[in-house]
Amino acid sequence: MQFEVFPVGTFLLEKPIFLPISINISQIDLIWFILIMYYDNKERGRHMKIGHLIRAERVRQDMKQIVLAKGICTPSYLSKIERNLIEPSEDIAELLFNRLGIDPAKLQKKDVKTEKEFKELLLSTYKLVITSRSVELTEKKLDYLLQNSPLFENDSLYYTYLLITLRFRIILGKNFEEISREIEALSDSVDGFDTYQKYLFLLNQALFYYNSGIRKKAISYFEEIVEDLDKIPLGDWEKAEFYYVIAILYTSDENTFVAIEYIRKALNYFMETLQMNRVLECYIIIGVTRKLNEQFEESLEAYSKAMQLCEEFHLDDQKGIIYHNIGNLNSIMGNSEQAILYFKKSYDSKVVDNEKLISILCLIMEHSKRAEKALVLKWANIGIDIIQESEVEGRQSYLHHFKFYKSLHSEEGLSEEIALAAIQYFKDIQEFKLTHKYCIALADWYYYNRKYKLSSIYYREANTYGNIYRKIVKWEDL
């Protein structure tokens, strides 16, 4: 049978297929040929669900929808694509991918086995990074996931990937603006998260705000997790990590009774699993809570246990934080010289510059109390240099501290601009104890310089924020 070029079987096919001229073929072979061509065409024409991939990359690049869509499709059409309400044609998908710099070769069609293997890799990598607490390993694993992970049509798996890599970025403390954009983008997808993904998202937000110095907001996210903690499918290791982190947060908020409750839960798990470095860290937190409750002997006993573990298990990298806390304890007890001695030991024991900032601040405060201006300026300059040379973000609080003390002890005296900037910053992040502190310092400065009206204003401001910090509503509550 001989054929000319003509459309075949439009009643069978979604699109006409044209057969070449002069092909001899039996009727049975013709039917098979049509069916093969039909299903092959149908499979090749199957669109993938890629909206979540496009949105994630667009947000990461801080690109507006109108910019990405220009010359390709309308912004409203792109919005529907990103929400996976419609699947774009191959041509539009290719153009969007090219503009975003996405490699189509990484696209992974639905494959249960591959998806399962990748999810297992993700979760095992997550556990390794969180439990190892190594910055170097975190950088290595994040780089591997960014370079080698396929782009999955399975949006749930892709969300897990984004949430885990986001946690790694928060640990590394780099590019907070990009992290903030990623959090904002993921917030639009929360309705599609499973229980564990919602937990990861809330945890990431809590840690982001804690590292940014916005403690009150961080606490609100942690408390939201606690409300549903029993419903979240967490392994014992992950629960222990959560207990440890929330104990640190409550300790920093001076909510010691709640902090002790959580740190003891973490301590029990770490002791059972013989993770002695984590046991040591728990004893440090216990020491801090005892100090805040003015149980100084009990605090020193906890630090002594931590130091004993350091010596016994050769955990030298932990000595810096123990020295720091012993210094802080001596400072509170009025042993200024001993405090300075231990703060210096802490500074010298820490390898990473950014970890030294807290010890530098305490040295500055101790020398400030002793009116040792030259030493205040020396340490303030060291701290400012570290921040300016560092890639780690979220250190604005330290910068305000260092600038304030440097200005206060300079020959020119306290700069109103620097003082007001610090006060406004701590107001904005709701650190009312520090707002109270620097309002007092500014009020004292005005008073000593006979600016009594301004002094009165800031003493009153200090009193207001001191009451907020202590949760006092009326003076009768004192």
Protein backbone atom coordinates (compact mmCIF):
# COMPACT_ATOMS: atom_id res chain seq x y z
CA MET A 1 0.00 0.00 0.00
CA GLN A 2 1.38 3.37 -1.00
CA PHE A 3 0.68 6.63 0.80
CA GLU A 4 1.09 10.29 0.09
CA VAL A 5 1.61 12.91 2.83
CA PHE A 6 -1.62 13.42 4.73
CA PRO A 7 -2.84 13.77 8.33
CA VAL A 8 -3.59 10.39 9.89
CA GLY A 9 -6.23 9.51 12.46
CA THR A 10 -7.20 12.86 13.88
CA PHE A 11 -9.98 10.94 15.63
CA LEU A 12 -7.28 8.90 17.46
CA LEU A 13 -4.54 11.45 18.07
CA GLU A 14 -4.42 14.73 19.97
CA LYS A 15 -2.18 16.12 17.22
CA PRO A 16 -1.94 14.97 13.58
CA ILE A 17 1.08 12.86 12.64
CA PHE A 18 2.41 13.03 9.09
CA LEU A 19 3.78 9.89 7.49
CA PRO A 20 6.60 10.14 4.94
CA ILE A 21 5.99 9.57 1.22
CA SER A 22 6.21 6.13 -0.36
CA ILE A 23 6.16 3.83 2.66
CA ASN A 24 4.83 0.31 2.01
CA ILE A 25 3.14 -0.99 5.11
CA SER A 26 0.45 -3.51 5.99
CA GLN A 27 -2.74 -2.41 7.71
CA ILE A 28 -1.68 -4.09 11.00
CA ASP A 29 1.75 -2.46 10.86
CA LEU A 30 0.05 0.85 10.19
CA ILE A 31 -2.07 0.54 13.32
CA TRP A 32 0.96 -0.32 15.45
CA PHE A 33 2.91 2.55 13.92
CA ILE A 34 0.13 5.03 14.73
CA LEU A 35 -0.18 3.80 18.33
CA ILE A 36 3.58 3.93 18.95
CA MET A 37 3.82 7.42 17.49
CA TYR A 38 0.81 8.51 19.54
CA TYR A 39 2.06 7.34 22.92
CA ASP A 40 5.61 8.48 22.25
CA ASN A 41 4.32 11.89 21.31
CA LYS A 42 2.06 11.95 24.36
CA GLU A 43 4.94 11.07 26.74
CA ARG A 44 7.29 13.62 25.20
CA GLY A 45 4.59 16.23 25.43
CA ARG A 46 3.84 15.52 29.11
CA HIS A 47 4.53 18.66 31.09
CA MET A 48 6.31 18.51 34.43
CA LYS A 49 5.17 20.24 37.58
CA ILE A 50 7.87 22.89 37.89
CA GLY A 51 6.21 25.96 39.42
CA HIS A 52 7.76 25.47 42.86
CA LEU A 53 11.23 25.24 41.25
CA ILE A 54 10.76 28.46 39.29
CA ARG A 55 9.43 30.40 42.28
CA ALA A 56 12.21 29.24 44.63
CA GLU A 57 14.97 30.25 42.20
CA ARG A 58 13.29 33.56 41.29
CA VAL A 59 12.99 34.54 44.95
CA ARG A 60 16.57 33.42 45.65
CA GLN A 61 17.75 35.79 42.91
CA ASP A 62 15.49 38.56 44.27
CA MET A 63 13.80 38.84 40.86
CA LYS A 64 10.30 40.27 40.50
CA GLN A 65 7.64 38.28 38.62
CA ILE A 66 7.27 41.05 36.07
CA VAL A 67 11.02 40.87 35.29
CA LEU A 68 11.04 37.10 34.85
CA ALA A 69 7.86 37.09 32.77
CA LYS A 70 8.86 39.93 30.42
CA GLY A 71 8.80 38.77 26.81
CA ILE A 72 7.81 35.21 27.83
CA CYS A 73 4.34 35.36 29.37
CA THR A 74 2.17 37.64 31.47
CA PRO A 75 2.94 38.06 35.19
CA SER A 76 -0.48 36.62 36.09
CA TYR A 77 0.25 33.53 33.95
CA LEU A 78 3.64 33.17 35.66
CA SER A 79 1.92 33.42 39.03
CA LYS A 80 -0.31 30.48 38.12
CA ILE A 81 2.72 28.51 36.94
CA GLU A 82 4.56 29.17 40.22
CA ARG A 83 1.59 27.94 42.24
CA ASN A 84 1.42 24.81 40.06
CA LEU A 85 -2.12 25.73 38.99
CA ILE A 86 -1.12 25.30 35.35
CA GLU A 87 1.73 23.52 33.60
CA PRO A 88 3.60 25.65 31.05
CA SER A 89 4.40 24.53 27.54
CA GLU A 90 7.88 23.25 26.85
CA ASP A 91 8.79 26.48 25.07
CA ILE A 92 7.72 28.71 27.97
CA ALA A 93 9.37 26.42 30.55
CA GLU A 94 12.63 26.50 28.60
CA LEU A 95 12.58 30.29 28.34
CA LEU A 96 11.89 30.68 32.08
CA PHE A 97 14.64 28.21 32.95
CA ASN A 98 17.13 29.97 30.70
CA ARG A 99 16.39 33.37 32.23
CA LEU A 100 16.84 31.92 35.74
CA GLY A 101 19.95 29.96 34.80
CA ILE A 102 18.35 26.63 35.75
CA ASP A 103 19.87 23.57 34.11
CA PRO A 104 17.01 21.51 32.59
CA ALA A 105 19.27 18.44 32.74
CA LYS A 106 18.77 18.41 36.51
CA LEU A 107 15.01 17.99 36.19
CA GLN A 108 13.89 14.72 37.73
CA LYS A 109 10.57 13.20 36.64
CA LYS A 110 8.55 11.22 39.16
CA ASP A 111 10.51 8.17 40.20
CA VAL A 112 9.56 6.64 43.54
CA LYS A 113 12.88 4.85 44.02
CA THR A 114 15.03 7.89 43.20
CA GLU A 115 12.91 10.17 45.36
CA LYS A 116 13.08 7.78 48.30
CA GLU A 117 16.86 7.49 48.02
CA PHE A 118 17.30 11.26 47.83
CA LYS A 119 15.01 11.86 50.81
CA GLU A 120 17.03 9.35 52.85
CA LEU A 121 20.22 11.17 51.80
CA LEU A 122 18.72 14.52 52.82
CA LEU A 123 17.60 13.36 56.26
CA SER A 124 20.82 11.48 57.03
CA THR A 125 22.87 14.53 55.97
CA TYR A 126 20.68 16.75 58.15
CA LYS A 127 21.23 14.52 61.19
CA LEU A 128 24.99 14.37 60.57
CA VAL A 129 25.32 18.15 60.29
CA ILE A 130 23.13 18.98 63.30
CA THR A 131 24.72 16.43 65.62
CA SER A 132 28.31 17.08 64.51
CA ARG A 133 28.02 20.85 65.10
CA SER A 134 30.92 21.43 62.70
CA VAL A 135 30.96 24.58 60.58
CA GLU A 136 33.40 22.99 58.15
CA LEU A 137 31.17 19.92 57.67
CA THR A 138 28.08 22.14 57.29
CA GLU A 139 29.76 24.10 54.50
CA LYS A 140 30.85 20.89 52.78
CA LYS A 141 27.41 19.25 52.92
CA LEU A 142 25.57 22.40 51.87
CA ASP A 143 27.86 22.79 48.87
CA TYR A 144 27.32 19.14 47.92
CA LEU A 145 23.52 19.44 48.08
CA LEU A 146 23.51 22.66 46.08
CA GLN A 147 25.75 21.21 43.38
CA ASN A 148 24.41 17.68 43.10
CA SER A 149 20.73 17.64 43.97
CA PRO A 150 18.29 17.10 41.10
CA LEU A 151 15.25 19.34 40.67
CA PHE A 152 12.29 17.19 41.66
CA GLU A 153 8.83 17.40 40.20
CA ASN A 154 7.73 16.17 43.62
CA ASP A 155 7.17 19.53 45.31
CA SER A 156 6.99 18.02 48.81
CA LEU A 157 10.47 16.53 48.44
CA TYR A 158 11.75 19.81 47.05
CA TYR A 159 10.32 21.70 50.05
CA THR A 160 12.17 19.34 52.40
CA TYR A 161 15.35 20.01 50.42
CA LEU A 162 14.84 23.79 50.66
CA LEU A 163 14.10 23.67 54.41
CA ILE A 164 17.17 21.58 55.20
CA THR A 165 19.56 23.65 53.08
CA LEU A 166 18.04 26.77 54.65
CA ARG A 167 18.90 25.40 58.11
CA PHE A 168 22.49 24.89 56.98
CA ARG A 169 22.67 28.50 55.76
CA ILE A 170 21.37 29.76 59.10
CA ILE A 171 24.04 27.72 60.90
CA LEU A 172 26.73 29.30 58.72
CA GLY A 173 25.27 32.76 59.31
CA LYS A 174 25.93 34.07 55.81
CA ASN A 175 23.78 36.35 53.65
CA PHE A 176 20.88 37.06 56.02
CA GLU A 177 19.07 39.03 53.31
CA GLU A 178 18.92 35.95 51.07
CA ILE A 179 17.81 33.80 54.01
CA SER A 180 15.05 36.31 54.78
CA ARG A 181 13.84 36.14 51.15
CA GLU A 182 13.82 32.34 51.23
CA ILE A 183 11.76 32.35 54.43
CA GLU A 184 9.31 34.77 52.84
CA ALA A 185 9.01 32.59 49.72
CA LEU A 186 8.48 29.41 51.73
CA SER A 187 5.80 31.09 53.84
CA ASP A 188 3.53 31.09 50.77
CA SER A 189 3.83 27.30 50.56
CA VAL A 190 3.13 26.45 54.22
CA ASP A 191 -0.36 25.14 53.43
CA GLY A 192 1.27 22.39 51.37
CA PHE A 193 3.74 21.36 54.11
CA ASP A 194 3.39 18.15 56.07
CA THR A 195 3.76 18.18 59.88
CA TYR A 196 7.52 17.69 59.84
CA GLN A 197 8.07 20.37 57.21
CA LYS A 198 6.03 22.85 59.26
CA TYR A 199 8.27 22.03 62.22
CA LEU A 200 11.42 22.65 60.16
CA PHE A 201 10.00 25.92 58.87
CA LEU A 202 9.09 27.23 62.34
CA LEU A 203 12.47 26.11 63.69
CA ASN A 204 14.28 27.89 60.88
CA GLN A 205 12.36 31.10 61.56
CA ALA A 206 13.08 30.86 65.29
CA LEU A 207 16.81 30.34 64.74
CA PHE A 208 16.97 33.08 62.10
CA TYR A 209 15.46 35.66 64.43
CA TYR A 210 17.55 34.47 67.37
CA ASN A 211 20.75 34.83 65.33
CA SER A 212 19.52 38.25 64.17
CA GLY A 213 19.21 39.35 67.80
CA ILE A 214 15.40 39.49 67.77
CA ARG A 215 14.92 37.16 70.74
CA LYS A 216 11.26 37.84 71.51
CA LYS A 217 10.19 36.91 68.01
CA ALA A 218 12.36 33.79 68.13
CA ILE A 219 10.67 32.73 71.37
CA SER A 220 7.22 33.08 69.78
CA TYR A 221 8.15 30.58 67.06
CA PHE A 222 9.66 28.13 69.55
CA GLU A 223 6.51 28.31 71.67
CA GLU A 224 4.40 27.59 68.60
CA ILE A 225 6.45 24.40 68.09
CA VAL A 226 6.08 23.40 71.75
CA GLU A 227 2.27 23.56 71.51
CA ASP A 228 2.24 20.72 68.95
CA LEU A 229 5.51 18.99 69.86
CA ASP A 230 3.83 15.67 70.68
CA LYS A 231 2.29 15.54 67.19
CA ILE A 232 5.57 16.08 65.33
CA PRO A 233 7.35 12.89 64.16
CA LEU A 234 10.78 13.52 65.68
CA GLY A 235 13.43 10.98 66.55
CA ASP A 236 15.01 11.00 70.03
CA TRP A 237 18.14 12.75 68.73
CA GLU A 238 16.09 15.54 67.19
CA LYS A 239 13.99 16.03 70.32
CA ALA A 240 17.16 16.31 72.39
CA GLU A 241 18.55 18.92 69.98
CA PHE A 242 15.31 20.89 70.19
CA TYR A 243 15.31 20.74 74.00
CA TYR A 244 18.90 21.99 74.04
CA VAL A 245 18.24 24.90 71.68
CA ILE A 246 15.09 26.06 73.46
CA ALA A 247 16.91 25.86 76.81
CA ILE A 248 19.56 28.24 75.46
CA LEU A 249 16.87 30.64 74.27
CA TYR A 250 15.00 30.65 77.58
CA THR A 251 18.29 31.08 79.45
CA SER A 252 19.12 34.14 77.35
CA ASP A 253 15.64 35.46 78.23
CA GLU A 254 16.38 34.73 81.91
CA ASN A 255 13.42 32.35 82.12
CA THR A 256 15.52 29.95 84.16
CA PHE A 257 12.85 27.57 85.45
CA VAL A 258 11.68 26.67 81.95
CA ALA A 259 15.28 26.52 80.72
CA ILE A 260 16.21 24.00 83.46
CA GLU A 261 13.23 21.80 82.53
CA TYR A 262 14.38 21.52 78.91
CA ILE A 263 18.13 21.27 79.52
CA ARG A 264 17.65 18.32 81.87
CA LYS A 265 15.69 16.49 79.15
CA ALA A 266 18.53 17.09 76.71
CA LEU A 267 21.13 16.11 79.32
CA ASN A 268 19.45 12.75 79.98
CA TYR A 269 19.56 11.82 76.29
CA PHE A 270 23.16 12.92 75.79
CA MET A 271 24.28 10.97 78.86
CA GLU A 272 22.45 7.84 77.72
CA THR A 273 24.11 8.04 74.29
CA LEU A 274 27.52 8.94 75.78
CA GLN A 275 27.81 12.21 73.85
CA MET A 276 30.15 13.75 76.39
CA ASN A 277 30.72 16.99 74.49
CA ARG A 278 26.96 17.61 74.59
CA VAL A 279 26.81 16.64 78.27
CA LEU A 280 29.47 19.28 78.87
CA GLU A 281 27.40 21.91 77.04
CA CYS A 282 24.36 21.05 79.17
CA TYR A 283 26.38 21.58 82.37
CA ILE A 284 27.38 25.01 81.08
CA ILE A 285 23.71 25.94 80.59
CA ILE A 286 22.89 24.63 84.06
CA GLY A 287 25.71 26.79 85.44
CA VAL A 288 24.27 29.87 83.73
CA THR A 289 20.76 29.26 85.07
CA ARG A 290 22.13 28.78 88.61
CA LYS A 291 24.09 32.02 88.27
CA LEU A 292 20.95 33.90 87.19
CA ASN A 293 19.19 32.56 90.28
CA GLU A 294 22.15 33.77 92.39
CA GLN A 295 23.06 30.20 93.32
CA PHE A 296 26.74 30.93 92.85
CA GLU A 297 28.20 27.83 94.47
CA GLU A 298 25.92 25.56 92.44
CA SER A 299 26.85 27.52 89.32
CA LEU A 300 30.58 27.07 89.93
CA GLU A 301 30.00 23.36 90.62
CA ALA A 302 28.32 22.95 87.19
CA TYR A 303 31.20 24.76 85.46
CA SER A 304 33.68 22.56 87.34
CA LYS A 305 31.93 19.43 86.05
CA ALA A 306 32.12 20.84 82.54
CA MET A 307 35.84 21.56 82.89
CA GLN A 308 36.41 18.05 84.28
CA LEU A 309 34.79 16.58 81.16
CA CYS A 310 37.02 18.84 79.03
CA GLU A 311 40.13 17.40 80.64
CA GLU A 312 38.94 13.79 80.74
CA PHE A 313 37.75 13.61 77.13
CA HIS A 314 40.20 16.12 75.60
CA LEU A 315 37.46 18.57 74.59
CA ASP A 316 39.82 21.53 74.46
CA ASP A 317 37.66 23.47 72.00
CA GLN A 318 35.05 23.87 74.76
CA LYS A 319 37.36 25.51 77.29
CA GLY A 320 36.75 29.00 75.91
CA ILE A 321 33.06 29.02 76.77
CA ILE A 322 33.72 27.59 80.25
CA TYR A 323 36.37 30.22 80.99
CA HIS A 324 33.95 32.89 79.79
CA ASN A 325 31.17 31.80 82.11
CA ILE A 326 33.50 31.51 85.11
CA GLY A 327 34.62 35.06 84.30
CA ASN A 328 31.02 36.22 84.18
CA LEU A 329 30.32 34.56 87.52
CA ASN A 330 33.31 36.33 89.11
CA SER A 331 32.14 39.63 87.65
CA ILE A 332 28.72 39.28 89.27
CA MET A 333 30.35 38.35 92.58
CA GLY A 334 32.50 41.50 92.40
CA ASN A 335 35.80 39.74 91.72
CA SER A 336 36.84 42.07 88.91
CA GLU A 337 40.46 40.98 88.52
CA GLN A 338 39.50 37.30 88.41
CA ALA A 339 36.75 38.12 85.91
CA ILE A 340 39.22 39.83 83.57
CA LEU A 341 41.67 36.93 83.94
CA TYR A 342 39.04 34.38 82.85
CA PHE A 343 37.66 36.56 80.04
CA LYS A 344 41.20 36.79 78.62
CA LYS A 345 41.59 33.02 78.92
CA SER A 346 38.31 32.65 77.06
CA TYR A 347 39.44 35.02 74.31
CA ASP A 348 42.76 33.20 73.90
CA SER A 349 41.12 29.74 73.84
CA LYS A 350 38.69 30.49 71.03
CA VAL A 351 39.91 29.85 67.51
CA VAL A 352 37.11 31.44 65.46
CA ASP A 353 37.11 35.25 65.67
CA ASN A 354 33.32 35.59 65.75
CA GLU A 355 33.15 33.37 68.83
CA LYS A 356 35.42 35.86 70.61
CA LEU A 357 32.94 38.75 70.42
CA ILE A 358 31.10 37.90 73.64
CA SER A 359 34.39 37.69 75.58
CA ILE A 360 35.52 40.99 74.09
CA LEU A 361 32.29 42.66 75.15
CA CYS A 362 32.67 41.39 78.71
CA LEU A 363 36.27 42.61 78.85
CA ILE A 364 35.08 46.03 77.67
CA MET A 365 32.36 46.18 80.32
CA GLU A 366 34.74 45.09 83.09
CA HIS A 367 37.37 47.66 82.12
CA SER A 368 34.63 50.29 81.80
CA LYS A 369 33.54 49.64 85.38
CA ARG A 370 37.17 50.17 86.43
CA ALA A 371 37.36 53.39 84.35
CA GLU A 372 40.29 51.96 82.35
CA LYS A 373 39.66 53.98 79.22
CA ALA A 374 42.68 52.87 77.20
CA LEU A 375 41.78 49.20 77.65
CA VAL A 376 38.14 49.86 76.76
CA LEU A 377 39.25 51.51 73.50
CA LYS A 378 41.73 48.70 72.76
CA TRP A 379 39.14 45.93 73.05
CA ALA A 380 36.38 47.95 71.35
CA ASN A 381 38.63 48.43 68.30
CA ILE A 382 39.50 44.72 68.24
CA GLY A 383 35.79 43.84 68.29
CA ILE A 384 34.87 46.34 65.56
CA ASP A 385 37.68 45.05 63.34
CA ILE A 386 36.50 41.45 63.70
CA ILE A 387 32.94 42.38 62.72
CA GLN A 388 34.03 44.46 59.73
CA GLU A 389 36.35 41.72 58.44
CA SER A 390 33.90 38.88 59.03
CA GLU A 391 31.43 37.40 56.54
CA VAL A 392 29.13 36.28 59.37
CA GLU A 393 26.05 38.46 59.62
CA GLY A 394 23.61 39.14 62.45
CA ARG A 395 26.28 40.85 64.60
CA GLN A 396 24.71 44.33 64.65
CA SER A 397 24.11 44.10 68.41
CA TYR A 398 27.83 43.72 69.10
CA LEU A 399 28.65 46.58 66.75
CA HIS A 400 26.31 48.91 68.68
CA HIS A 401 27.83 47.78 72.00
CA PHE A 402 31.39 48.34 70.84
CA LYS A 403 30.69 51.73 69.25
CA PHE A 404 28.83 52.94 72.34
CA TYR A 405 31.64 52.06 74.76
CA LYS A 406 34.32 53.39 72.40
CA SER A 407 32.48 56.69 72.09
CA LEU A 408 31.77 56.91 75.83
CA HIS A 409 35.46 56.54 76.73
CA SER A 410 36.87 58.64 73.88
CA GLU A 411 38.42 62.07 74.40
CA GLU A 412 35.41 63.71 72.73
CA GLY A 413 32.98 61.92 75.00
CA LEU A 414 29.76 60.11 74.16
CA SER A 415 28.34 60.81 70.71
CA GLU A 416 24.60 61.47 70.87
CA GLU A 417 24.25 60.01 67.37
CA ILE A 418 25.89 56.70 68.37
CA ALA A 419 23.95 56.54 71.64
CA LEU A 420 20.57 57.22 70.04
CA ALA A 421 21.28 54.71 67.25
CA ALA A 422 22.01 52.01 69.84
CA ILE A 423 18.90 52.82 71.87
CA GLN A 424 16.70 52.76 68.75
CA TYR A 425 18.23 49.49 67.57
CA PHE A 426 17.55 47.69 70.84
CA LYS A 427 14.01 49.13 70.92
CA ASP A 428 13.41 47.79 67.43
CA ILE A 429 14.51 44.25 68.30
CA GLN A 430 12.64 44.46 71.64
CA GLU A 431 15.73 44.02 73.79
CA PHE A 432 14.26 46.20 76.51
CA LYS A 433 16.91 45.40 79.12
CA LEU A 434 19.59 46.84 76.81
CA THR A 435 17.32 49.76 75.89
CA HIS A 436 17.01 50.47 79.62
CA LYS A 437 20.78 50.18 80.09
CA TYR A 438 21.78 52.60 77.33
CA CYS A 439 19.05 55.11 78.23
CA ILE A 440 20.58 55.27 81.72
CA ALA A 441 24.07 55.73 80.26
CA LEU A 442 22.88 58.57 78.00
CA ALA A 443 20.89 60.19 80.83
CA ASP A 444 23.99 60.10 83.06
CA TRP A 445 26.06 61.66 80.29
CA TYR A 446 23.56 64.49 79.85
CA TYR A 447 23.46 65.05 83.63
CA TYR A 448 27.24 65.27 83.99
CA ASN A 449 27.27 67.77 81.12
CA ARG A 450 24.51 69.84 82.78
CA LYS A 451 21.91 69.10 80.14
CA TYR A 452 19.32 68.49 82.81
CA LYS A 453 16.21 68.58 80.63
CA LEU A 454 17.56 65.93 78.25
CA SER A 455 18.84 63.95 81.22
CA SER A 456 15.36 63.95 82.74
CA ILE A 457 13.83 62.74 79.48
CA TYR A 458 16.16 59.75 79.22
CA TYR A 459 15.94 58.83 82.91
CA ARG A 460 12.20 58.65 82.38
CA GLU A 461 12.74 56.64 79.18
CA ALA A 462 15.04 54.29 81.07
CA ASN A 463 12.44 53.85 83.78
CA THR A 464 9.76 53.03 81.18
CA TYR A 465 11.80 50.33 79.48
CA GLY A 466 13.09 49.00 82.79
CA ASN A 467 9.47 48.39 83.82
CA ILE A 468 8.69 46.73 80.49
CA TYR A 469 11.74 44.49 80.91
CA ARG A 470 10.69 43.55 84.45
CA LYS A 471 7.05 43.23 83.34
CA ILE A 472 5.92 45.91 85.78
CA VAL A 473 2.75 47.73 84.77
CA LYS A 474 2.22 50.07 87.72
CA TRP A 475 4.67 51.45 90.27
CA GLU A 476 2.59 49.71 92.96
CA ASP A 477 3.76 46.41 91.48
CA LEU A 478 7.32 47.10 92.62
